[in-house]
C-alpha atoms as a PDB file:
ATOM      1  CA  MET A   1       4.273  -0.789 -12.960  1.00  0.00           C
ATOM      2  CA  ARG A   2       0.844  -1.702 -13.433  1.00  0.00           C
ATOM      3  CA  LEU A   3      -2.400  -0.274 -12.778  1.00  0.00           C
ATOM      4  CA  ALA A   4      -4.258  -3.657 -12.662  1.00  0.00           C
ATOM      5  CA  ARG A   5      -6.606  -2.159  -9.789  1.00  0.00           C
ATOM      6  CA  LEU A   6      -7.842   1.291 -11.343  1.00  0.00           C
ATOM      7  CA  PRO A   7     -10.466   0.206 -12.964  1.00  0.00           C
ATOM      8  CA  ARG A   8     -12.156  -1.346  -9.473  1.00  0.00           C
ATOM      9  CA  THR A   9     -11.191   2.604  -8.470  1.00  0.00           C
ATOM     10  CA  LEU A  10     -14.016   4.175 -10.469  1.00  0.00           C
ATOM     11  CA  ALA A  11     -16.591   3.010  -7.416  1.00  0.00           C
ATOM     12  CA  ALA A  12     -14.706   5.619  -5.369  1.00  0.00           C
ATOM     13  CA  VAL A  13     -15.306   8.864  -6.847  1.00  0.00           C
ATOM     14  CA  ALA A  14     -19.241   7.697  -8.297  1.00  0.00           C
ATOM     15  CA  ILE A  15     -19.270   8.266  -4.877  1.00  0.00           C
ATOM     16  CA  ALA A  16     -16.881  11.446  -3.839  1.00  0.00           C
ATOM     17  CA  GLY A  17     -20.527  13.495  -2.886  1.00  0.00           C
ATOM     18  CA  ALA A  18     -21.438  11.617  -0.734  1.00  0.00           C
ATOM     19  CA  LEU A  19     -17.383  10.395   1.538  1.00  0.00           C
ATOM     20  CA  VAL A  20     -17.281  14.111   1.508  1.00  0.00           C
ATOM     21  CA  ALA A  21     -20.710  15.122   2.767  1.00  0.00           C
ATOM     22  CA  ALA A  22     -19.323  12.041   5.676  1.00  0.00           C
ATOM     23  CA  CYS A  23     -15.953  12.867   6.347  1.00  0.00           C
ATOM     24  CA  SER A  24     -16.103  17.078   6.276  1.00  0.00           C
ATOM     25  CA  GLY A  25     -16.852  19.069   9.001  1.00  0.00           C
ATOM     26  CA  PRO A  26     -16.934  18.533  12.532  1.00  0.00           C
ATOM     27  CA  GLY A  27     -16.154  14.554  14.139  1.00  0.00           C
ATOM     28  CA  SER A  28     -14.484  12.820  14.983  1.00  0.00           C
ATOM     29  CA  TYR A  29     -10.787  12.246  14.433  1.00  0.00           C
ATOM     30  CA  VAL A  30      -6.655  11.774  15.491  1.00  0.00           C
ATOM     31  CA  TRP A  31      -3.940  14.284  14.849  1.00  0.00           C
ATOM     32  CA  VAL A  32      -1.595  12.613  12.609  1.00  0.00           C
ATOM     33  CA  HIS A  33       1.744  13.181  15.428  1.00  0.00           C
ATOM     34  CA  ASP A  34      -1.086  10.869  18.104  1.00  0.00           C
ATOM     35  CA  LEU A  35      -0.717   7.976  16.180  1.00  0.00           C
ATOM     36  CA  PRO A  36       1.087   4.424  17.609  1.00  0.00           C
ATOM     37  CA  ARG A  37       4.447   4.397  16.608  1.00  0.00           C
ATOM     38  CA  ASP A  38       3.406   1.459  13.681  1.00  0.00           C
ATOM     39  CA  TYR A  39       1.922   4.375  11.426  1.00  0.00           C
ATOM     40  CA  VAL A  40       3.694   6.844  11.748  1.00  0.00           C
ATOM     41  CA  VAL A  41       7.238   4.990  11.197  1.00  0.00           C
ATOM     42  CA  ARG A  42       7.615   4.055   7.530  1.00  0.00           C
ATOM     43  CA  PRO A  43       9.065   0.262   7.600  1.00  0.00           C
ATOM     44  CA  PRO A  44      12.966  -0.510   5.830  1.00  0.00           C
ATOM     45  CA  PRO A  45      11.837  -1.490   1.812  1.00  0.00           C
ATOM     46  CA  ASN A  46      12.769  -5.698   3.376  1.00  0.00           C
ATOM     47  CA  ASP A  47       9.420  -4.772   5.104  1.00  0.00           C
ATOM     48  CA  TYR A  48       7.121  -5.104   2.509  1.00  0.00           C
ATOM     49  CA  VAL A  49       4.514  -7.347   2.803  1.00  0.00           C
ATOM     50  CA  ILE A  50       3.651  -9.460  -0.265  1.00  0.00           C
ATOM     51  CA  GLY A  51       0.367  -8.637  -2.063  1.00  0.00           C
ATOM     52  CA  ASP A  52      -2.526 -10.103  -4.713  1.00  0.00           C
ATOM     53  CA  GLY A  53      -0.680  -9.220  -8.774  1.00  0.00           C
ATOM     54  CA  ASP A  54       2.133  -9.095  -7.740  1.00  0.00           C
ATOM     55  CA  THR A  55       5.085 -11.137  -8.967  1.00  0.00           C
ATOM     56  CA  VAL A  56       8.005 -12.887  -7.487  1.00  0.00           C
ATOM     57  CA  SER A  57      11.196 -14.256  -8.717  1.00  0.00           C
ATOM     58  CA  ILE A  58      11.935 -17.820  -6.930  1.00  0.00           C
ATOM     59  CA  ARG A  59      15.545 -19.478  -7.080  1.00  0.00           C
ATOM     60  CA  VAL A  60      16.382 -21.858  -5.620  1.00  0.00           C
ATOM     61  CA  PHE A  61      20.468 -22.731  -5.853  1.00  0.00           C
ATOM     62  CA  ASN A  62      21.416 -25.048  -8.446  1.00  0.00           C
ATOM     63  CA  GLN A  63      18.283 -26.059  -8.807  1.00  0.00           C
ATOM     64  CA  GLU A  64      16.962 -24.278 -11.494  1.00  0.00           C
ATOM     65  CA  ALA A  65      13.976 -26.971 -12.303  1.00  0.00           C
ATOM     66  CA  MET A  66      12.672 -25.970  -8.692  1.00  0.00           C
ATOM     67  CA  SER A  67      13.236 -21.990  -9.471  1.00  0.00           C
ATOM     68  CA  THR A  68      10.738 -19.894 -10.965  1.00  0.00           C
ATOM     69  CA  ARG A  69       8.726 -16.092 -11.190  1.00  0.00           C
ATOM     70  CA  ALA A  70       5.090 -15.930 -10.869  1.00  0.00           C
ATOM     71  CA  LYS A  71       2.496 -13.595 -10.530  1.00  0.00           C
ATOM     72  CA  VAL A  72       0.151 -13.530  -7.067  1.00  0.00           C
ATOM     73  CA  ARG A  73      -3.126 -14.392  -7.894  1.00  0.00           C
ATOM     74  CA  ARG A  74      -6.430 -13.893  -6.782  1.00  0.00           C
ATOM     75  CA  ASP A  75      -5.990 -16.243  -4.172  1.00  0.00           C
ATOM     76  CA  GLY A  76      -2.852 -15.006  -2.701  1.00  0.00           C
ATOM     77  CA  ARG A  77      -1.363 -18.265  -3.818  1.00  0.00           C
ATOM     78  CA  ILE A  78       1.776 -18.411  -6.256  1.00  0.00           C
ATOM     79  CA  ALA A  79       2.265 -22.039  -8.142  1.00  0.00           C
ATOM     80  CA  MET A  80       5.991 -24.087  -6.871  1.00  0.00           C
ATOM     81  CA  PRO A  81       7.847 -26.529  -9.327  1.00  0.00           C
ATOM     82  CA  VAL A  82       7.774 -29.843  -6.982  1.00  0.00           C
ATOM     83  CA  LEU A  83       5.673 -28.012  -4.197  1.00  0.00           C
ATOM     84  CA  GLY A  84       2.427 -27.188  -5.915  1.00  0.00           C
ATOM     85  CA  ASP A  85       0.684 -23.597  -4.411  1.00  0.00           C
ATOM     86  CA  ILE A  86       2.166 -22.083  -1.502  1.00  0.00           C
ATOM     87  CA  GLU A  87       0.217 -19.374   0.447  1.00  0.00           C
ATOM     88  CA  ALA A  88       2.219 -15.698  -0.389  1.00  0.00           C
ATOM     89  CA  ARG A  89      -0.387 -13.241   0.859  1.00  0.00           C
ATOM     90  CA  GLY A  90       0.586 -11.057   3.368  1.00  0.00           C
ATOM     91  CA  LYS A  91       4.117 -12.530   3.660  1.00  0.00           C
ATOM     92  CA  ARG A  92       7.092 -10.597   3.784  1.00  0.00           C
ATOM     93  CA  PRO A  93       9.505 -12.221   0.892  1.00  0.00           C
ATOM     94  CA  SER A  94      11.707 -13.277   4.606  1.00  0.00           C
ATOM     95  CA  ALA A  95       9.432 -15.628   5.844  1.00  0.00           C
ATOM     96  CA  LEU A  96       8.749 -16.834   3.083  1.00  0.00           C
ATOM     97  CA  LYS A  97      11.938 -17.919   1.768  1.00  0.00           C
ATOM     98  CA  ALA A  98      12.916 -19.539   4.884  1.00  0.00           C
ATOM     99  CA  GLU A  99       8.879 -21.360   4.653  1.00  0.00           C
ATOM    100  CA  LEU A 100      10.302 -22.756   1.344  1.00  0.00           C
ATOM    101  CA  GLU A 101      13.887 -23.588   2.105  1.00  0.00           C
ATOM    102  CA  ALA A 102      11.687 -26.198   5.013  1.00  0.00           C
ATOM    103  CA  ARG A 103       9.672 -27.312   2.719  1.00  0.00           C
ATOM    104  CA  LEU A 104      11.759 -28.125  -0.079  1.00  0.00           C
ATOM    105  CA  ARG A 105      14.267 -30.300   2.683  1.00  0.00           C
ATOM    106  CA  ASP A 106      12.169 -32.507   1.432  1.00  0.00           C
ATOM    107  CA  TYR A 107      13.603 -32.703  -1.679  1.00  0.00           C
ATOM    108  CA  VAL A 108      17.302 -30.980  -1.643  1.00  0.00           C
ATOM    109  CA  ASN A 109      20.245 -31.282   1.047  1.00  0.00           C
ATOM    110  CA  THR A 110      20.171 -27.846   2.452  1.00  0.00           C
ATOM    111  CA  PRO A 111      18.012 -25.304   0.077  1.00  0.00           C
ATOM    112  CA  SER A 112      18.908 -22.275  -0.449  1.00  0.00           C
ATOM    113  CA  VAL A 113      15.933 -19.934  -1.562  1.00  0.00           C
ATOM    114  CA  THR A 114      16.233 -16.628  -2.740  1.00  0.00           C
ATOM    115  CA  VAL A 115      12.894 -14.620  -2.968  1.00  0.00           C
ATOM    116  CA  THR A 116      12.766 -10.872  -5.137  1.00  0.00           C
ATOM    117  CA  LEU A 117       9.788  -8.934  -6.039  1.00  0.00           C
ATOM    118  CA  GLU A 118       9.709  -8.388  -9.762  1.00  0.00           C
ATOM    119  CA  GLU A 119       7.131  -6.757  -9.696  1.00  0.00           C
ATOM    120  CA  VAL A 120       5.195  -4.512  -6.817  1.00  0.00           C
ATOM    121  CA  GLN A 121       1.107  -4.203  -7.955  1.00  0.00           C
ATOM    122  CA  PRO A 122      -0.065   0.055  -6.544  1.00  0.00           C
ATOM    123  CA  ILE A 123      -2.007   0.926  -3.764  1.00  0.00           C
ATOM    124  CA  VAL A 124      -5.447   3.178  -5.105  1.00  0.00           C
ATOM    125  CA  VAL A 125      -5.789   6.077  -2.779  1.00  0.00           C
ATOM    126  CA  SER A 126      -8.641   8.633  -4.072  1.00  0.00           C
ATOM    127  CA  VAL A 127      -8.595  12.684  -3.122  1.00  0.00           C
ATOM    128  CA  LEU A 128     -11.237  14.451  -3.012  1.00  0.00           C
ATOM    129  CA  GLY A 129     -12.456  18.306  -1.610  1.00  0.00           C
ATOM    130  CA  GLU A 130     -10.365  21.430  -2.363  1.00  0.00           C
ATOM    131  CA  VAL A 131      -7.491  20.043  -4.914  1.00  0.00           C
ATOM    132  CA  SER A 132      -6.662  20.846  -8.644  1.00  0.00           C
ATOM    133  CA  LYS A 133      -7.375  17.155  -9.889  1.00  0.00           C
ATOM    134  CA  VAL A 134     -10.089  15.104  -7.635  1.00  0.00           C
ATOM    135  CA  GLY A 135      -9.684  11.836  -9.029  1.00  0.00           C
ATOM    136  CA  SER A 136      -7.906   8.199  -7.588  1.00  0.00           C
ATOM    137  CA  TYR A 137      -4.792   7.663  -8.327  1.00  0.00           C
ATOM    138  CA  PRO A 138      -1.703   4.783  -8.201  1.00  0.00           C
ATOM    139  CA  LEU A 139       0.796   5.450  -6.154  1.00  0.00           C
ATOM    140  CA  ASP A 140       3.889   4.061  -4.714  1.00  0.00           C
ATOM    141  CA  PRO A 141       3.045   1.031  -2.243  1.00  0.00           C
ATOM    142  CA  ARG A 142       4.846   3.579   0.429  1.00  0.00           C
ATOM    143  CA  ALA A 143       3.597   6.981  -0.797  1.00  0.00           C
ATOM    144  CA  SER A 144       3.321   9.417   1.266  1.00  0.00           C
ATOM    145  CA  VAL A 145       0.007  12.334   1.920  1.00  0.00           C
ATOM    146  CA  ALA A 146       2.604  14.627  -0.202  1.00  0.00           C
ATOM    147  CA  GLN A 147       3.261  12.229  -3.291  1.00  0.00           C
ATOM    148  CA  ALA A 148      -0.813  12.104  -2.669  1.00  0.00           C
ATOM    149  CA  LEU A 149      -1.203  15.315  -3.108  1.00  0.00           C
ATOM    150  CA  ALA A 150       1.474  16.100  -5.944  1.00  0.00           C
ATOM    151  CA  SER A 151      -0.538  13.487  -8.324  1.00  0.00           C
ATOM    152  CA  ALA A 152      -4.103  15.680  -7.537  1.00  0.00           C
ATOM    153  CA  GLY A 153      -2.528  18.497  -8.569  1.00  0.00           C
ATOM    154  CA  GLY A 154      -2.364  20.464  -5.539  1.00  0.00           C
ATOM    155  CA  ILE A 155      -4.556  22.378  -3.521  1.00  0.00           C
ATOM    156  CA  THR A 156      -6.326  24.686  -4.364  1.00  0.00           C
ATOM    157  CA  ASP A 157      -6.489  28.958  -3.128  1.00  0.00           C
ATOM    158  CA  TYR A 158      -9.552  27.165  -0.919  1.00  0.00           C
ATOM    159  CA  ALA A 159      -8.006  25.019   1.053  1.00  0.00           C
ATOM    160  CA  SER A 160      -7.925  24.388   4.917  1.00  0.00           C
ATOM    161  CA  HIS A 161      -4.463  24.650   5.547  1.00  0.00           C
ATOM    162  CA  ASP A 162      -5.693  22.743   8.778  1.00  0.00           C
ATOM    163  CA  ARG A 163      -7.930  20.575   7.409  1.00  0.00           C
ATOM    164  CA  ILE A 164      -6.427  17.557   5.831  1.00  0.00           C
ATOM    165  CA  PHE A 165      -8.035  14.163   6.246  1.00  0.00           C
ATOM    166  CA  VAL A 166      -6.795  10.856   5.397  1.00  0.00           C
ATOM    167  CA  VAL A 167      -9.824   8.128   5.757  1.00  0.00           C
ATOM    168  CA  ARG A 168      -8.823   4.751   6.210  1.00  0.00           C
ATOM    169  CA  SER A 169     -11.988   2.124   6.667  1.00  0.00           C
ATOM    170  CA  SER A 170      -9.991  -1.203   7.688  1.00  0.00           C
ATOM    171  CA  PRO A 171      -9.011  -2.687   9.454  1.00  0.00           C
ATOM    172  CA  GLN A 172     -10.470  -0.726  11.235  1.00  0.00           C
ATOM    173  CA  ARG A 173     -12.221   2.988  10.056  1.00  0.00           C
ATOM    174  CA  MET A 174     -10.151   6.048  11.294  1.00  0.00           C
ATOM    175  CA  ARG A 175      -9.945   9.374  10.446  1.00  0.00           C
ATOM    176  CA  VAL A 176      -6.428  10.982  10.431  1.00  0.00           C
ATOM    177  CA  ARG A 177      -6.102  14.676  10.637  1.00  0.00           C
ATOM    178  CA  PHE A 178      -2.996  16.322   8.919  1.00  0.00           C
ATOM    179  CA  THR A 179      -1.825  20.499   8.607  1.00  0.00           C
ATOM    180  CA  TYR A 180      -0.632  20.904   4.412  1.00  0.00           C
ATOM    181  CA  ASP A 181       2.656  23.230   6.668  1.00  0.00           C
ATOM    182  CA  ASP A 182       3.855  19.606   8.239  1.00  0.00           C
ATOM    183  CA  ILE A 183       2.838  17.775   4.438  1.00  0.00           C
ATOM    184  CA  LEU A 184       4.802  20.415   2.841  1.00  0.00           C
ATOM    185  CA  ARG A 185       8.057  20.940   5.384  1.00  0.00           C
ATOM    186  CA  GLY A 186       8.277  16.490   5.701  1.00  0.00           C
ATOM    187  CA  ARG A 187       7.635  17.059   9.373  1.00  0.00           C
ATOM    188  CA  ALA A 188       8.315  14.039  11.155  1.00  0.00           C
ATOM    189  CA  ALA A 189       4.343  12.087  11.521  1.00  0.00           C
ATOM    190  CA  SER A 190       3.689  13.479   8.366  1.00  0.00           C
ATOM    191  CA  ALA A 191       6.087  12.521   6.614  1.00  0.00           C
ATOM    192  CA  GLY A 192       6.412   9.183   7.427  1.00  0.00           C
ATOM    193  CA  PHE A 193       2.279   7.821   7.396  1.00  0.00           C
ATOM    194  CA  VAL A 194       2.314   5.575   5.119  1.00  0.00           C
ATOM    195  CA  LEU A 195      -0.640   5.541   2.980  1.00  0.00           C
ATOM    196  CA  ARG A 196      -2.226   2.076   1.756  1.00  0.00           C
ATOM    197  CA  ASP A 197      -4.787   0.641  -1.181  1.00  0.00           C
ATOM    198  CA  GLY A 198      -7.858   2.195  -0.791  1.00  0.00           C
ATOM    199  CA  ASP A 199      -7.507   5.222   1.622  1.00  0.00           C
ATOM    200  CA  LEU A 200      -9.210   8.396   0.780  1.00  0.00           C
ATOM    201  CA  ILE A 201      -7.791  11.551   1.739  1.00  0.00           C
ATOM    202  CA  VAL A 202     -10.059  14.605   2.050  1.00  0.00           C
ATOM    203  CA  VAL A 203      -9.073  18.281   1.865  1.00  0.00           C
ATOM    204  CA  GLU A 204     -11.767  20.368   3.074  1.00  0.00           C
END
């Protein structure tokens, strides 16, 4: 797994002090166990949404000339033989498969397409506050808060065990509160919370 997204995370570390000041202390938040189900139930592996930088293999049965292996460009597209540029960003492999089969019917009788994710870009999460190693870390796209804290070397002896926050800026700003005990024990809501690229974890 490549770390192509790492350079752009340096800015997150540079503004760490300002973010901690903005996110620590009293303020609005929601407990992780009060979040809607979409946030706390980990989607199945085949529910992955294709993103920029991912590499997909597309095979058209008995049509090697129409098959390809391509990296999703920064504009969200891939180049396909015959069809040209195809929008891949934001689509699940199953949806992309169905779209390609529909478009290939103009050229092939009953086309059968297989879409396979060969490389997935890591998400990058910043971890600040009372952890051993403050910084930004590349993680698996399905990583949990526990995995992010482990990448940062764990919490310090001075850390609050019930004031751990995930701060997310998009699609809407939210501040989600966790307890260390729930994270450590892998309790349902904490274990199921899915981190996203650009999330900030603050341990007070």
